[in-house]
Amino acid sequence: MYKKWWFVGIMGLVFIVLAACGADTNPDEGAQEGEIQEKDYPSSVIIGTASQGGTYFIYGGGLATLLEEHLGVTANVEVTGGPVHNMQLVQAKDQEIGLVTLGPAYEGYTGTGEWTGGQQHEDVRIIFPMYSTPFHWWALADAGVEQLDDIKGQRVGVGPAGGTSGTYLPMIHDLLGLDTQNVQAGANDMASQMLDGQLDIIGFAAGIPIAAVTEIEAQRDITIFGIDGEKRDLVIEAFPYFYEYSIPADTYDSLDQDVETIAMYNFGIAHKEMNADFIYDFVKAYHENIEQLAQTHSAAQEAVEEAILLNTEVPLHVGAIRYYEEIGIDLPESVYPPEWNE
């Protein structure tokens, strides 16, 4: 359902709204008379990200700044295991905001992922779109690894357990019969291991450019590669929340041409019981100040309002629905939660 033509069509809409709020840091400014007292913002929130060195951690920092500057809400950015862990933490109300890829969001909500043990994370709601997470691999130039087939039987860093990489790369390797020895660790830890000569190959998924890759290529010669052709078709057939993706050649200094691979889209999530006014104002501030967030990480440029339509299975928060309906987004019925009519 998440086909390349649909993604390209969505991202082709250059619809990023420039912030016109100036120095507006009052969350109640612009509210109708009498509405201010009704708002019940949290005094602080926890934003669950992933390992340091990955895009989630950087993006989460940008979200924290946005919340503090535009809504007056203190936000603490926490390192977590990534999307799977964030689904679990939001479901349990152990964090207010989480960052996830669509695969874990769908598998968690439906209870179909092996990591769920059959437990449905039914209280999690999507609140805003973020960016594409392309999967790619890189190896030290002297390791003799130039394509995916070359990693067969080798020791490969795949990211932290509970993260998108650590969850799906082993599944992809198994599907393709690569018989890899998977090393689960955070992006920074894997980068350190590679620079110390302890790890020759890393696979990772995050918004590009990935800080860990730029750190490594600044000190060592590396080869970056993805997945295409029949292997890519096989992966997309097995895991339909992936779609085809091309990493532009100018993303990394080590590239001289685009890299064909696969990607998954990212979304922000919250518990269904989070205050609807807060979520509405958060989503509104998010989209109206996306250029500010893009200064933190360029991947935020993909966060156009229409990208919310890339999810058709996991319900949205009622506060987010209010915002997207208000700006004219025609949401599918499948994303309206039971509490919408309560």
C-alpha atoms as a PDB file:
ATOM      1  CA  MET A   1       0.000   0.000   0.000  1.00  0.00           C
ATOM      2  CA  TYR A   2       2.987   2.269   0.512  1.00  0.00           C
ATOM      3  CA  LYS A   3       4.129   2.340  -3.114  1.00  0.00           C
ATOM      4  CA  LYS A   4       6.797   4.523  -4.570  1.00  0.00           C
ATOM      5  CA  TRP A   5       4.408   6.462  -6.822  1.00  0.00           C
ATOM      6  CA  TRP A   6       2.337   7.461  -3.825  1.00  0.00           C
ATOM      7  CA  PHE A   7       5.343   8.594  -1.823  1.00  0.00           C
ATOM      8  CA  VAL A   8       6.750  10.582  -4.740  1.00  0.00           C
ATOM      9  CA  GLY A   9       3.364  12.212  -5.325  1.00  0.00           C
ATOM     10  CA  ILE A  10       3.119  13.244  -1.683  1.00  0.00           C
ATOM     11  CA  MET A  11       6.642  14.572  -1.465  1.00  0.00           C
ATOM     12  CA  GLY A  12       6.258  16.380  -4.787  1.00  0.00           C
ATOM     13  CA  LEU A  13       3.881  18.809  -3.104  1.00  0.00           C
ATOM     14  CA  VAL A  14       6.142  21.577  -1.918  1.00  0.00           C
ATOM     15  CA  PHE A  15       3.850  22.738   0.792  1.00  0.00           C
ATOM     16  CA  ILE A  16       6.020  23.780   3.697  1.00  0.00           C
ATOM     17  CA  VAL A  17       4.398  26.645   5.560  1.00  0.00           C
ATOM     18  CA  LEU A  18       6.811  29.348   6.649  1.00  0.00           C
ATOM     19  CA  ALA A  19       6.467  30.481  10.234  1.00  0.00           C
ATOM     20  CA  ALA A  20       4.817  33.898  10.608  1.00  0.00           C
ATOM     21  CA  CYS A  21       4.632  33.848  14.365  1.00  0.00           C
ATOM     22  CA  GLY A  22       7.752  35.938  14.989  1.00  0.00           C
ATOM     23  CA  ALA A  23       8.429  36.048  18.672  1.00  0.00           C
ATOM     24  CA  ASP A  24       5.156  34.347  19.601  1.00  0.00           C
ATOM     25  CA  THR A  25       5.932  32.107  22.524  1.00  0.00           C
ATOM     26  CA  ASN A  26       2.526  32.267  24.214  1.00  0.00           C
ATOM     27  CA  PRO A  27       0.596  28.992  23.746  1.00  0.00           C
ATOM     28  CA  ASP A  28      -2.710  30.770  24.352  1.00  0.00           C
ATOM     29  CA  GLU A  29      -2.253  33.712  22.001  1.00  0.00           C
ATOM     30  CA  GLY A  30      -4.798  33.583  19.207  1.00  0.00           C
ATOM     31  CA  ALA A  31      -7.242  31.521  21.263  1.00  0.00           C
ATOM     32  CA  GLN A  32     -10.809  32.628  21.418  1.00  0.00           C
ATOM     33  CA  GLU A  33     -11.878  34.623  24.457  1.00  0.00           C
ATOM     34  CA  GLY A  34     -12.602  32.333  27.384  1.00  0.00           C
ATOM     35  CA  GLU A  35     -10.655  29.426  25.882  1.00  0.00           C
ATOM     36  CA  ILE A  36      -7.368  30.102  27.654  1.00  0.00           C
ATOM     37  CA  GLN A  37      -8.509  28.834  31.020  1.00  0.00           C
ATOM     38  CA  GLU A  38      -9.766  25.594  29.489  1.00  0.00           C
ATOM     39  CA  LYS A  39      -6.351  24.519  28.258  1.00  0.00           C
ATOM     40  CA  ASP A  40      -4.533  22.029  30.416  1.00  0.00           C
ATOM     41  CA  TYR A  41      -1.033  21.735  29.037  1.00  0.00           C
ATOM     42  CA  PRO A  42       1.474  19.421  30.702  1.00  0.00           C
ATOM     43  CA  SER A  43       4.166  21.434  32.485  1.00  0.00           C
ATOM     44  CA  SER A  44       6.813  19.208  30.923  1.00  0.00           C
ATOM     45  CA  VAL A  45       7.019  16.278  28.527  1.00  0.00           C
ATOM     46  CA  ILE A  46       9.468  13.500  27.773  1.00  0.00           C
ATOM     47  CA  ILE A  47      10.356  12.963  24.112  1.00  0.00           C
ATOM     48  CA  GLY A  48      11.557   9.422  23.430  1.00  0.00           C
ATOM     49  CA  THR A  49      14.074   9.261  20.585  1.00  0.00           C
ATOM     50  CA  ALA A  50      16.716   6.551  19.970  1.00  0.00           C
ATOM     51  CA  SER A  51      20.502   6.214  20.271  1.00  0.00           C
ATOM     52  CA  GLN A  52      22.834   9.202  20.169  1.00  0.00           C
ATOM     53  CA  GLY A  53      24.393   9.635  16.730  1.00  0.00           C
ATOM     54  CA  GLY A  54      21.116   8.847  14.988  1.00  0.00           C
ATOM     55  CA  THR A  55      18.624  11.292  13.510  1.00  0.00           C
ATOM     56  CA  TYR A  56      15.908  10.733  16.122  1.00  0.00           C
ATOM     57  CA  PHE A  57      18.056  12.151  18.909  1.00  0.00           C
ATOM     58  CA  ILE A  58      18.856  15.282  16.887  1.00  0.00           C
ATOM     59  CA  TYR A  59      15.239  15.658  15.715  1.00  0.00           C
ATOM     60  CA  GLY A  60      13.992  15.259  19.275  1.00  0.00           C
ATOM     61  CA  GLY A  61      16.197  18.142  20.341  1.00  0.00           C
ATOM     62  CA  GLY A  62      14.590  20.305  17.677  1.00  0.00           C
ATOM     63  CA  LEU A  63      11.119  19.308  18.890  1.00  0.00           C
ATOM     64  CA  ALA A  64      12.076  20.206  22.456  1.00  0.00           C
ATOM     65  CA  THR A  65      13.202  23.675  21.372  1.00  0.00           C
ATOM     66  CA  LEU A  66       9.993  24.148  19.392  1.00  0.00           C
ATOM     67  CA  LEU A  67       7.812  23.170  22.369  1.00  0.00           C
ATOM     68  CA  GLU A  68       9.641  25.466  24.724  1.00  0.00           C
ATOM     69  CA  GLU A  69       9.724  28.468  22.373  1.00  0.00           C
ATOM     70  CA  HIS A  70       6.204  28.263  20.947  1.00  0.00           C
ATOM     71  CA  LEU A  71       4.125  26.528  23.632  1.00  0.00           C
ATOM     72  CA  GLY A  72       6.086  27.268  26.789  1.00  0.00           C
ATOM     73  CA  VAL A  73       6.326  23.552  27.619  1.00  0.00           C
ATOM     74  CA  THR A  74       9.581  22.139  28.984  1.00  0.00           C
ATOM     75  CA  ALA A  75      10.676  19.043  27.056  1.00  0.00           C
ATOM     76  CA  ASN A  76      13.293  16.484  28.048  1.00  0.00           C
ATOM     77  CA  VAL A  77      14.877  14.446  25.255  1.00  0.00           C
ATOM     78  CA  GLU A  78      15.646  10.882  26.291  1.00  0.00           C
ATOM     79  CA  VAL A  79      17.753   8.197  24.650  1.00  0.00           C
ATOM     80  CA  THR A  80      15.662   5.037  24.092  1.00  0.00           C
ATOM     81  CA  GLY A  81      15.925   1.820  22.133  1.00  0.00           C
ATOM     82  CA  GLY A  82      14.079   3.441  19.217  1.00  0.00           C
ATOM     83  CA  PRO A  83      10.627   2.986  17.643  1.00  0.00           C
ATOM     84  CA  VAL A  84       9.714  -0.365  19.198  1.00  0.00           C
ATOM     85  CA  HIS A  85      10.743   0.872  22.625  1.00  0.00           C
ATOM     86  CA  ASN A  86       8.925   4.186  22.066  1.00  0.00           C
ATOM     87  CA  MET A  87       5.701   2.353  21.228  1.00  0.00           C
ATOM     88  CA  GLN A  88       5.983   0.461  24.500  1.00  0.00           C
ATOM     89  CA  LEU A  89       6.838   3.566  26.539  1.00  0.00           C
ATOM     90  CA  VAL A  90       3.973   5.656  25.132  1.00  0.00           C
ATOM     91  CA  GLN A  91       1.492   2.804  25.595  1.00  0.00           C
ATOM     92  CA  ALA A  92       2.599   2.561  29.234  1.00  0.00           C
ATOM     93  CA  LYS A  93       2.489   6.384  29.685  1.00  0.00           C
ATOM     94  CA  ASP A  94       6.166   6.366  30.603  1.00  0.00           C
ATOM     95  CA  GLN A  95       6.820   9.108  28.036  1.00  0.00           C
ATOM     96  CA  GLU A  96       4.522  11.689  26.465  1.00  0.00           C
ATOM     97  CA  ILE A  97       5.928  11.924  22.929  1.00  0.00           C
ATOM     98  CA  GLY A  98       7.668   9.207  20.921  1.00  0.00           C
ATOM     99  CA  LEU A  99       9.249   8.955  17.483  1.00  0.00           C
ATOM    100  CA  VAL A 100       8.488   5.845  15.427  1.00  0.00           C
ATOM    101  CA  THR A 101       8.702   4.351  11.977  1.00  0.00           C
ATOM    102  CA  LEU A 102       5.485   3.064  10.421  1.00  0.00           C
ATOM    103  CA  GLY A 103       6.419  -0.621  10.635  1.00  0.00           C
ATOM    104  CA  PRO A 104       6.690  -0.743  14.440  1.00  0.00           C
ATOM    105  CA  ALA A 105       3.693   1.612  14.760  1.00  0.00           C
ATOM    106  CA  TYR A 106       1.511  -0.733  12.711  1.00  0.00           C
ATOM    107  CA  GLU A 107       2.870  -3.921  14.288  1.00  0.00           C
ATOM    108  CA  GLY A 108       2.495  -2.478  17.771  1.00  0.00           C
ATOM    109  CA  TYR A 109      -1.017  -1.150  17.299  1.00  0.00           C
ATOM    110  CA  THR A 110      -2.226  -4.420  15.778  1.00  0.00           C
ATOM    111  CA  GLY A 111      -0.130  -6.676  18.021  1.00  0.00           C
ATOM    112  CA  THR A 112       1.244  -8.500  14.971  1.00  0.00           C
ATOM    113  CA  GLY A 113       4.965  -7.878  15.494  1.00  0.00           C
ATOM    114  CA  GLU A 114       6.927 -10.661  17.178  1.00  0.00           C
ATOM    115  CA  TRP A 115       8.226  -8.123  19.690  1.00  0.00           C
ATOM    116  CA  THR A 116       4.667  -7.443  20.938  1.00  0.00           C
ATOM    117  CA  GLY A 117       4.029 -10.976  22.175  1.00  0.00           C
ATOM    118  CA  GLY A 118       0.537 -10.527  20.763  1.00  0.00           C
ATOM    119  CA  GLN A 119      -0.185  -7.495  22.954  1.00  0.00           C
ATOM    120  CA  GLN A 120      -1.909  -4.675  21.071  1.00  0.00           C
ATOM    121  CA  HIS A 121      -0.667  -1.170  21.807  1.00  0.00           C
ATOM    122  CA  GLU A 122      -4.148   0.207  21.231  1.00  0.00           C
ATOM    123  CA  ASP A 123      -3.714   3.472  23.137  1.00  0.00           C
ATOM    124  CA  VAL A 124      -0.978   4.891  20.890  1.00  0.00           C
ATOM    125  CA  ARG A 125      -1.982   7.634  18.431  1.00  0.00           C
ATOM    126  CA  ILE A 126      -0.070   9.243  15.551  1.00  0.00           C
ATOM    127  CA  ILE A 127       0.202  13.028  15.764  1.00  0.00           C
ATOM    128  CA  PHE A 128       2.430  14.292  12.915  1.00  0.00           C
ATOM    129  CA  PRO A 129       4.566  13.108   9.944  1.00  0.00           C
ATOM    130  CA  MET A 130       8.345  13.435   9.944  1.00  0.00           C
ATOM    131  CA  TYR A 131      10.570  12.081   7.151  1.00  0.00           C
ATOM    132  CA  SER A 132      11.765   8.984   5.323  1.00  0.00           C
ATOM    133  CA  THR A 133      14.125   6.534   7.001  1.00  0.00           C
ATOM    134  CA  PRO A 134      16.236   4.884   4.295  1.00  0.00           C
ATOM    135  CA  PHE A 135      18.071   1.666   5.086  1.00  0.00           C
ATOM    136  CA  HIS A 136      21.689   1.562   3.970  1.00  0.00           C
ATOM    137  CA  TRP A 137      24.901  -0.228   4.757  1.00  0.00           C
ATOM    138  CA  TRP A 138      28.514   0.941   4.784  1.00  0.00           C
ATOM    139  CA  ALA A 139      31.849  -0.795   5.141  1.00  0.00           C
ATOM    140  CA  LEU A 140      35.464   0.211   5.500  1.00  0.00           C
ATOM    141  CA  ALA A 141      36.960   0.478   2.022  1.00  0.00           C
ATOM    142  CA  ASP A 142      39.652  -2.083   2.769  1.00  0.00           C
ATOM    143  CA  ALA A 143      37.087  -4.698   3.929  1.00  0.00           C
ATOM    144  CA  GLY A 144      36.386  -5.803   0.343  1.00  0.00           C
ATOM    145  CA  VAL A 145      32.631  -5.242   0.777  1.00  0.00           C
ATOM    146  CA  GLU A 146      30.942  -3.367  -2.063  1.00  0.00           C
ATOM    147  CA  GLN A 147      27.364  -4.699  -2.169  1.00  0.00           C
ATOM    148  CA  LEU A 148      24.791  -6.444   0.002  1.00  0.00           C
ATOM    149  CA  ASP A 149      25.754  -9.948  -1.132  1.00  0.00           C
ATOM    150  CA  ASP A 150      29.268  -9.363   0.216  1.00  0.00           C
ATOM    151  CA  ILE A 151      28.106  -9.216   3.838  1.00  0.00           C
ATOM    152  CA  LYS A 152      27.031 -12.877   3.807  1.00  0.00           C
ATOM    153  CA  GLY A 153      28.308 -14.708   6.881  1.00  0.00           C
ATOM    154  CA  GLN A 154      30.011 -11.608   8.262  1.00  0.00           C
ATOM    155  CA  ARG A 155      29.738  -9.644  11.506  1.00  0.00           C
ATOM    156  CA  VAL A 156      27.481  -6.640  10.921  1.00  0.00           C
ATOM    157  CA  GLY A 157      26.411  -3.814  13.225  1.00  0.00           C
ATOM    158  CA  VAL A 158      22.632  -3.434  12.899  1.00  0.00           C
ATOM    159  CA  GLY A 159      21.661  -0.802  15.468  1.00  0.00           C
ATOM    160  CA  PRO A 160      20.128  -1.069  18.943  1.00  0.00           C
ATOM    161  CA  ALA A 161      17.573  -3.676  19.962  1.00  0.00           C
ATOM    162  CA  GLY A 162      14.140  -2.042  19.843  1.00  0.00           C
ATOM    163  CA  GLY A 163      15.153   0.390  17.114  1.00  0.00           C
ATOM    164  CA  THR A 164      14.091   0.297  13.478  1.00  0.00           C
ATOM    165  CA  SER A 165      17.524  -0.942  12.402  1.00  0.00           C
ATOM    166  CA  GLY A 166      17.969  -3.468  15.173  1.00  0.00           C
ATOM    167  CA  THR A 167      14.480  -4.858  14.560  1.00  0.00           C
ATOM    168  CA  TYR A 168      14.265  -5.007  10.773  1.00  0.00           C
ATOM    169  CA  LEU A 169      17.833  -5.472   9.524  1.00  0.00           C
ATOM    170  CA  PRO A 170      18.122  -8.956  11.075  1.00  0.00           C
ATOM    171  CA  MET A 171      14.750  -9.796   9.495  1.00  0.00           C
ATOM    172  CA  ILE A 172      15.958  -8.568   6.100  1.00  0.00           C
ATOM    173  CA  HIS A 173      19.251 -10.448   6.401  1.00  0.00           C
ATOM    174  CA  ASP A 174      17.382 -13.648   7.304  1.00  0.00           C
ATOM    175  CA  LEU A 175      14.903 -13.198   4.458  1.00  0.00           C
ATOM    176  CA  LEU A 176      17.767 -12.867   1.973  1.00  0.00           C
ATOM    177  CA  GLY A 177      19.741 -15.783   3.435  1.00  0.00           C
ATOM    178  CA  LEU A 178      22.740 -13.621   4.347  1.00  0.00           C
ATOM    179  CA  ASP A 179      23.457 -15.489   7.610  1.00  0.00           C
ATOM    180  CA  THR A 180      25.023 -12.438   9.280  1.00  0.00           C
ATOM    181  CA  GLN A 181      26.364 -12.228  12.819  1.00  0.00           C
ATOM    182  CA  ASN A 182      24.335  -9.249  14.009  1.00  0.00           C
ATOM    183  CA  VAL A 183      25.836  -6.804  16.526  1.00  0.00           C
ATOM    184  CA  GLN A 184      23.185  -4.679  18.240  1.00  0.00           C
ATOM    185  CA  ALA A 185      24.409  -1.299  19.465  1.00  0.00           C
ATOM    186  CA  GLY A 186      23.652   2.401  19.154  1.00  0.00           C
ATOM    187  CA  ALA A 187      24.857   4.487  16.222  1.00  0.00           C
ATOM    188  CA  ASN A 188      27.629   6.213  18.168  1.00  0.00           C
ATOM    189  CA  ASP A 189      28.840   2.951  19.685  1.00  0.00           C
ATOM    190  CA  MET A 190      28.955   1.272  16.266  1.00  0.00           C
ATOM    191  CA  ALA A 191      30.812   4.244  14.798  1.00  0.00           C
ATOM    192  CA  SER A 192      33.412   4.025  17.587  1.00  0.00           C
ATOM    193  CA  GLN A 193      33.808   0.293  16.997  1.00  0.00           C
ATOM    194  CA  MET A 194      34.327   0.870  13.288  1.00  0.00           C
ATOM    195  CA  LEU A 195      36.904   3.600  13.853  1.00  0.00           C
ATOM    196  CA  ASP A 196      38.700   1.356  16.368  1.00  0.00           C
ATOM    197  CA  GLY A 197      38.838  -1.497  13.861  1.00  0.00           C
ATOM    198  CA  GLN A 198      36.413  -3.723  15.773  1.00  0.00           C
ATOM    199  CA  LEU A 199      33.621  -3.603  13.181  1.00  0.00           C
ATOM    200  CA  ASP A 200      33.995  -3.564   9.398  1.00  0.00           C
ATOM    201  CA  ILE A 201      30.331  -3.340   8.332  1.00  0.00           C
ATOM    202  CA  ILE A 202      27.350  -1.373   9.647  1.00  0.00           C
ATOM    203  CA  GLY A 203      23.730  -1.300   8.528  1.00  0.00           C
ATOM    204  CA  PHE A 204      21.498   1.461   9.828  1.00  0.00           C
ATOM    205  CA  ALA A 205      18.230   3.275   9.189  1.00  0.00           C
ATOM    206  CA  ALA A 206      17.663   6.930  10.038  1.00  0.00           C
ATOM    207  CA  GLY A 207      16.881  10.251   8.419  1.00  0.00           C
ATOM    208  CA  ILE A 208      19.721  11.290   6.177  1.00  0.00           C
ATOM    209  CA  PRO A 209      22.416  12.384   6.501  1.00  0.00           C
ATOM    210  CA  ILE A 210      23.214  10.160   9.491  1.00  0.00           C
ATOM    211  CA  ALA A 211      25.695  11.853  11.820  1.00  0.00           C
ATOM    212  CA  ALA A 212      27.514   8.585  12.518  1.00  0.00           C
ATOM    213  CA  VAL A 213      28.219   8.098   8.799  1.00  0.00           C
ATOM    214  CA  THR A 214      29.597  11.610   8.306  1.00  0.00           C
ATOM    215  CA  GLU A 215      31.776  11.150  11.390  1.00  0.00           C
ATOM    216  CA  ILE A 216      33.266   7.926  10.054  1.00  0.00           C
ATOM    217  CA  GLU A 217      33.793   9.081   6.473  1.00  0.00           C
ATOM    218  CA  ALA A 218      35.631  12.160   7.733  1.00  0.00           C
ATOM    219  CA  GLN A 219      38.306   9.821   9.141  1.00  0.00           C
ATOM    220  CA  ARG A 220      38.196   6.656   7.027  1.00  0.00           C
ATOM    221  CA  ASP A 221      37.403   5.663   3.447  1.00  0.00           C
ATOM    222  CA  ILE A 222      34.086   3.813   3.338  1.00  0.00           C
ATOM    223  CA  THR A 223      31.816   2.176   0.764  1.00  0.00           C
ATOM    224  CA  ILE A 224      28.072   2.895   1.046  1.00  0.00           C
ATOM    225  CA  PHE A 225      25.498   0.585  -0.553  1.00  0.00           C
ATOM    226  CA  GLY A 226      21.801  -0.240  -0.475  1.00  0.00           C
ATOM    227  CA  ILE A 227      19.399  -2.824  -1.874  1.00  0.00           C
ATOM    228  CA  ASP A 228      17.723  -2.941  -5.276  1.00  0.00           C
ATOM    229  CA  GLY A 229      16.390  -5.265  -7.987  1.00  0.00           C
ATOM    230  CA  GLU A 230      14.876  -8.625  -7.065  1.00  0.00           C
ATOM    231  CA  LYS A 231      16.146  -8.442  -3.490  1.00  0.00           C
ATOM    232  CA  ARG A 232      14.353  -5.143  -2.940  1.00  0.00           C
ATOM    233  CA  ASP A 233      11.154  -6.518  -4.488  1.00  0.00           C
ATOM    234  CA  LEU A 234      11.346  -9.507  -2.166  1.00  0.00           C
ATOM    235  CA  VAL A 235      11.719  -7.328   0.931  1.00  0.00           C
ATOM    236  CA  ILE A 236       8.835  -5.025  -0.029  1.00  0.00           C
ATOM    237  CA  GLU A 237       6.594  -8.010  -0.721  1.00  0.00           C
ATOM    238  CA  ALA A 238       7.396  -9.484   2.693  1.00  0.00           C
ATOM    239  CA  PHE A 239       7.187  -6.161   4.580  1.00  0.00           C
ATOM    240  CA  PRO A 240       4.746  -3.854   2.740  1.00  0.00           C
ATOM    241  CA  TYR A 241       5.423  -0.821   4.964  1.00  0.00           C
ATOM    242  CA  PHE A 242       8.728  -0.413   3.045  1.00  0.00           C
ATOM    243  CA  TYR A 243       8.922   1.509  -0.230  1.00  0.00           C
ATOM    244  CA  GLU A 244      11.581   2.152  -2.853  1.00  0.00           C
ATOM    245  CA  TYR A 245      13.926   5.032  -2.143  1.00  0.00           C
ATOM    246  CA  SER A 246      17.022   6.667  -3.672  1.00  0.00           C
ATOM    247  CA  ILE A 247      19.653   8.282  -1.465  1.00  0.00           C
ATOM    248  CA  PRO A 248      20.947  11.338  -3.375  1.00  0.00           C
ATOM    249  CA  ALA A 249      24.639  11.294  -4.249  1.00  0.00           C
ATOM    250  CA  ASP A 250      25.216  14.611  -2.460  1.00  0.00           C
ATOM    251  CA  THR A 251      24.109  13.158   0.894  1.00  0.00           C
ATOM    252  CA  TYR A 252      27.589  11.906   1.768  1.00  0.00           C
ATOM    253  CA  ASP A 253      31.087  12.780   0.541  1.00  0.00           C
ATOM    254  CA  SER A 254      31.734   9.065  -0.047  1.00  0.00           C
ATOM    255  CA  LEU A 255      29.049   8.845  -2.764  1.00  0.00           C
ATOM    256  CA  ASP A 256      29.510   9.662  -6.432  1.00  0.00           C
ATOM    257  CA  GLN A 257      26.061   8.421  -7.495  1.00  0.00           C
ATOM    258  CA  ASP A 258      22.596   7.859  -6.033  1.00  0.00           C
ATOM    259  CA  VAL A 259      22.111   4.721  -3.932  1.00  0.00           C
ATOM    260  CA  GLU A 260      18.993   2.626  -4.551  1.00  0.00           C
ATOM    261  CA  THR A 261      17.500   1.174  -1.391  1.00  0.00           C
ATOM    262  CA  ILE A 262      14.332   0.902   0.751  1.00  0.00           C
ATOM    263  CA  ALA A 263      12.798   3.260   3.278  1.00  0.00           C
ATOM    264  CA  MET A 264      10.094   3.541   5.916  1.00  0.00           C
ATOM    265  CA  TYR A 265       8.266   6.740   6.929  1.00  0.00           C
ATOM    266  CA  ASN A 266       8.444   8.252  10.428  1.00  0.00           C
ATOM    267  CA  PHE A 267       5.755   9.750  12.639  1.00  0.00           C
ATOM    268  CA  GLY A 268       5.400  11.349  16.049  1.00  0.00           C
ATOM    269  CA  ILE A 269       3.136   9.549  18.516  1.00  0.00           C
ATOM    270  CA  ALA A 270       1.356  10.254  21.808  1.00  0.00           C
ATOM    271  CA  HIS A 271      -1.018   8.452  24.154  1.00  0.00           C
ATOM    272  CA  LYS A 272      -4.703   8.857  23.303  1.00  0.00           C
ATOM    273  CA  GLU A 273      -5.334  10.487  26.704  1.00  0.00           C
ATOM    274  CA  MET A 274      -2.916  13.373  26.103  1.00  0.00           C
ATOM    275  CA  ASN A 275      -4.752  16.705  26.278  1.00  0.00           C
ATOM    276  CA  ALA A 276      -6.368  17.402  22.889  1.00  0.00           C
ATOM    277  CA  ASP A 277      -5.727  21.162  23.021  1.00  0.00           C
ATOM    278  CA  PHE A 278      -2.063  20.557  23.694  1.00  0.00           C
ATOM    279  CA  ILE A 279      -1.739  18.088  20.808  1.00  0.00           C
ATOM    280  CA  TYR A 280      -3.643  20.407  18.458  1.00  0.00           C
ATOM    281  CA  ASP A 281      -1.403  23.371  19.306  1.00  0.00           C
ATOM    282  CA  PHE A 282       1.724  21.204  19.178  1.00  0.00           C
ATOM    283  CA  VAL A 283       0.895  19.896  15.685  1.00  0.00           C
ATOM    284  CA  LYS A 284      -0.027  23.396  14.509  1.00  0.00           C
ATOM    285  CA  ALA A 285       3.227  24.891  15.839  1.00  0.00           C
ATOM    286  CA  TYR A 286       5.142  21.961  14.361  1.00  0.00           C
ATOM    287  CA  HIS A 287       3.919  22.556  10.809  1.00  0.00           C
ATOM    288  CA  GLU A 288       3.959  26.349  10.985  1.00  0.00           C
ATOM    289  CA  ASN A 289       7.574  26.346  12.153  1.00  0.00           C
ATOM    290  CA  ILE A 290       8.938  23.410  10.177  1.00  0.00           C
ATOM    291  CA  GLU A 291      11.681  25.571   8.689  1.00  0.00           C
ATOM    292  CA  GLN A 292      12.987  26.147  12.213  1.00  0.00           C
ATOM    293  CA  LEU A 293      13.085  22.396  12.757  1.00  0.00           C
ATOM    294  CA  ALA A 294      14.795  21.905   9.385  1.00  0.00           C
ATOM    295  CA  GLN A 295      17.670  24.007  10.703  1.00  0.00           C
ATOM    296  CA  THR A 296      18.162  21.302  13.337  1.00  0.00           C
ATOM    297  CA  HIS A 297      18.040  18.504  10.758  1.00  0.00           C
ATOM    298  CA  SER A 298      17.348  18.861   7.031  1.00  0.00           C
ATOM    299  CA  ALA A 299      15.157  15.725   7.037  1.00  0.00           C
ATOM    300  CA  ALA A 300      12.355  17.884   8.499  1.00  0.00           C
ATOM    301  CA  GLN A 301      11.858  19.421   5.058  1.00  0.00           C
ATOM    302  CA  GLU A 302       9.875  16.289   4.183  1.00  0.00           C
ATOM    303  CA  ALA A 303       7.307  16.971   6.926  1.00  0.00           C
ATOM    304  CA  VAL A 304       4.632  18.514   4.710  1.00  0.00           C
ATOM    305  CA  GLU A 305       1.074  18.307   6.051  1.00  0.00           C
ATOM    306  CA  GLU A 306      -0.028  15.901   3.302  1.00  0.00           C
ATOM    307  CA  ALA A 307       2.540  13.354   4.428  1.00  0.00           C
ATOM    308  CA  ILE A 308       0.158  12.466   7.256  1.00  0.00           C
ATOM    309  CA  LEU A 309      -1.699  10.504   4.544  1.00  0.00           C
ATOM    310  CA  LEU A 310       1.192   8.051   4.262  1.00  0.00           C
ATOM    311  CA  ASN A 311      -0.354   6.334   7.268  1.00  0.00           C
ATOM    312  CA  THR A 312      -3.717   4.690   6.645  1.00  0.00           C
ATOM    313  CA  GLU A 313      -3.778   2.087   9.428  1.00  0.00           C
ATOM    314  CA  VAL A 314      -2.844   3.590  12.803  1.00  0.00           C
ATOM    315  CA  PRO A 315      -5.362   6.030  14.360  1.00  0.00           C
ATOM    316  CA  LEU A 316      -4.551   9.702  14.794  1.00  0.00           C
ATOM    317  CA  HIS A 317      -4.942  11.631  18.028  1.00  0.00           C
ATOM    318  CA  VAL A 318      -8.171  13.664  18.159  1.00  0.00           C
ATOM    319  CA  GLY A 319      -6.159  16.880  18.594  1.00  0.00           C
ATOM    320  CA  ALA A 320      -4.164  16.118  15.445  1.00  0.00           C
ATOM    321  CA  ILE A 321      -7.353  15.302  13.522  1.00  0.00           C
ATOM    322  CA  ARG A 322      -8.760  18.716  14.440  1.00  0.00           C
ATOM    323  CA  TYR A 323      -5.707  20.394  12.933  1.00  0.00           C
ATOM    324  CA  TYR A 324      -5.573  18.392   9.702  1.00  0.00           C
ATOM    325  CA  GLU A 325      -9.309  18.757   9.105  1.00  0.00           C
ATOM    326  CA  GLU A 326      -9.021  22.492   9.747  1.00  0.00           C
ATOM    327  CA  ILE A 327      -6.425  22.922   6.978  1.00  0.00           C
ATOM    328  CA  GLY A 328      -8.437  20.806   4.536  1.00  0.00           C
ATOM    329  CA  ILE A 329      -6.665  17.429   4.631  1.00  0.00           C
ATOM    330  CA  ASP A 330      -9.114  14.668   3.637  1.00  0.00           C
ATOM    331  CA  LEU A 331      -8.222  11.951   6.127  1.00  0.00           C
ATOM    332  CA  PRO A 332      -9.244   8.330   5.505  1.00  0.00           C
ATOM    333  CA  GLU A 333     -11.900   6.914   7.818  1.00  0.00           C
ATOM    334  CA  SER A 334      -9.440   4.261   9.011  1.00  0.00           C
ATOM    335  CA  VAL A 335      -7.400   6.809  11.026  1.00  0.00           C
ATOM    336  CA  TYR A 336     -10.310   8.092  13.106  1.00  0.00           C
ATOM    337  CA  PRO A 337     -10.090   6.527  16.592  1.00  0.00           C
ATOM    338  CA  PRO A 338     -13.068   5.300  18.629  1.00  0.00           C
ATOM    339  CA  GLU A 339     -12.820   8.301  20.965  1.00  0.00           C
ATOM    340  CA  TRP A 340     -13.413  10.718  18.072  1.00  0.00           C
ATOM    341  CA  ASN A 341     -17.188  10.230  18.441  1.00  0.00           C
ATOM    342  CA  GLU A 342     -17.250   9.955  22.204  1.00  0.00           C
END
